[in-house]
Amino acid sequence: MHEVTVMSREGCHACDDAIVEVRRICDELGVPWSVSDVDADAELRAEYGDQVPVILIDGVEHGFWKVEEERLRRALRN
């Protein structure tokens, strides 16, 4: 089973929107998901800070800035 992580930061409206979408999609599909604050870790901030929200599937970058619902659903079904 896959696991989704939303790389986010406080005060990011696009991140809030992505979390709502990921929650809805993952809950529908029964896929575990979590949120990680990029500003809590210097390495995460360096890697993802300019692209938040970033969606990871199994620790691998799937997309950033917005959730592409159909693409995410396809990836989670594989």
Protein backbone atom coordinates (compact mmCIF):
# COMPACT_ATOMS: atom_id res chain seq x y z
CA MET A 1 0.00 0.00 0.00
CA HIS A 2 1.16 3.52 -0.78
CA GLU A 3 1.62 6.37 1.66
CA VAL A 4 1.17 10.05 0.79
CA THR A 5 2.92 12.97 2.45
CA VAL A 6 2.06 16.62 1.90
CA MET A 7 5.08 18.86 2.40
CA SER A 8 3.59 22.07 3.74
CA ARG A 9 4.22 25.20 5.80
CA GLU A 10 2.24 27.39 8.14
CA GLY A 11 0.36 30.24 6.50
CA CYS A 12 0.38 28.66 3.03
CA HIS A 13 -3.09 28.86 1.51
CA ALA A 14 -2.16 26.54 -1.37
CA CYS A 15 -0.90 24.03 1.22
CA ASP A 16 -4.21 24.19 3.08
CA ASP A 17 -6.06 23.52 -0.18
CA ALA A 18 -3.76 20.59 -1.04
CA ILE A 19 -4.27 19.05 2.41
CA VAL A 20 -8.05 19.17 1.96
CA GLU A 21 -7.76 17.47 -1.44
CA VAL A 22 -5.25 14.83 -0.34
CA ARG A 23 -7.35 14.05 2.76
CA ARG A 24 -10.47 13.56 0.64
CA ILE A 25 -8.78 11.41 -2.01
CA CYS A 26 -6.72 9.29 0.40
CA ASP A 27 -9.66 8.74 2.73
CA GLU A 28 -11.78 7.59 -0.22
CA LEU A 29 -9.08 5.16 -1.35
CA GLY A 30 -8.05 4.04 2.14
CA VAL A 31 -4.49 5.31 1.66
CA PRO A 32 -2.58 6.57 4.71
CA TRP A 33 -1.35 10.15 4.50
CA SER A 34 0.39 12.76 6.61
CA VAL A 35 1.55 16.36 6.60
CA SER A 36 5.14 17.45 7.19
CA ASP A 37 6.19 21.06 7.85
CA VAL A 38 9.16 21.93 5.65
CA ASP A 39 10.17 24.72 7.99
CA ALA A 40 10.70 22.27 10.87
CA ASP A 41 13.81 20.83 9.21
CA ALA A 42 16.57 22.69 7.35
CA GLU A 43 17.04 19.88 4.82
CA LEU A 44 13.33 19.71 4.00
CA ARG A 45 13.17 23.50 3.70
CA ALA A 46 16.16 23.47 1.32
CA GLU A 47 14.70 20.69 -0.81
CA TYR A 48 11.01 21.62 -0.92
CA GLY A 49 10.68 25.15 0.47
CA ASP A 50 10.25 26.91 -2.87
CA GLN A 51 7.68 24.43 -4.19
CA VAL A 52 5.20 23.87 -1.36
CA PRO A 53 2.85 22.21 -1.30
CA VAL A 54 4.74 19.16 -2.51
CA ILE A 55 3.01 15.78 -2.72
CA LEU A 56 5.16 12.71 -2.06
CA ILE A 57 4.07 9.14 -2.71
CA ASP A 58 6.16 6.63 -0.79
CA GLY A 59 8.78 9.34 -0.23
CA VAL A 60 9.12 10.18 -3.93
CA GLU A 61 8.03 13.55 -5.31
CA HIS A 62 4.78 13.19 -7.24
CA GLY A 63 3.92 16.84 -7.84
CA PHE A 64 3.91 20.34 -6.40
CA TRP A 65 1.90 23.57 -6.09
CA LYS A 66 -1.47 21.85 -6.64
CA VAL A 67 -3.08 18.43 -6.49
CA GLU A 68 -3.82 16.90 -9.87
CA GLU A 69 -6.64 14.66 -8.73
CA GLU A 70 -6.83 12.16 -11.58
CA ARG A 71 -3.06 11.80 -11.75
CA LEU A 72 -2.86 11.22 -7.99
CA ARG A 73 -5.67 8.67 -8.10
CA ARG A 74 -3.94 6.76 -10.92
CA ALA A 75 -0.65 6.68 -9.02
CA LEU A 76 -2.34 5.42 -5.87
CA ARG A 77 -4.13 2.64 -7.70
CA ASN A 78 -0.85 1.17 -9.01
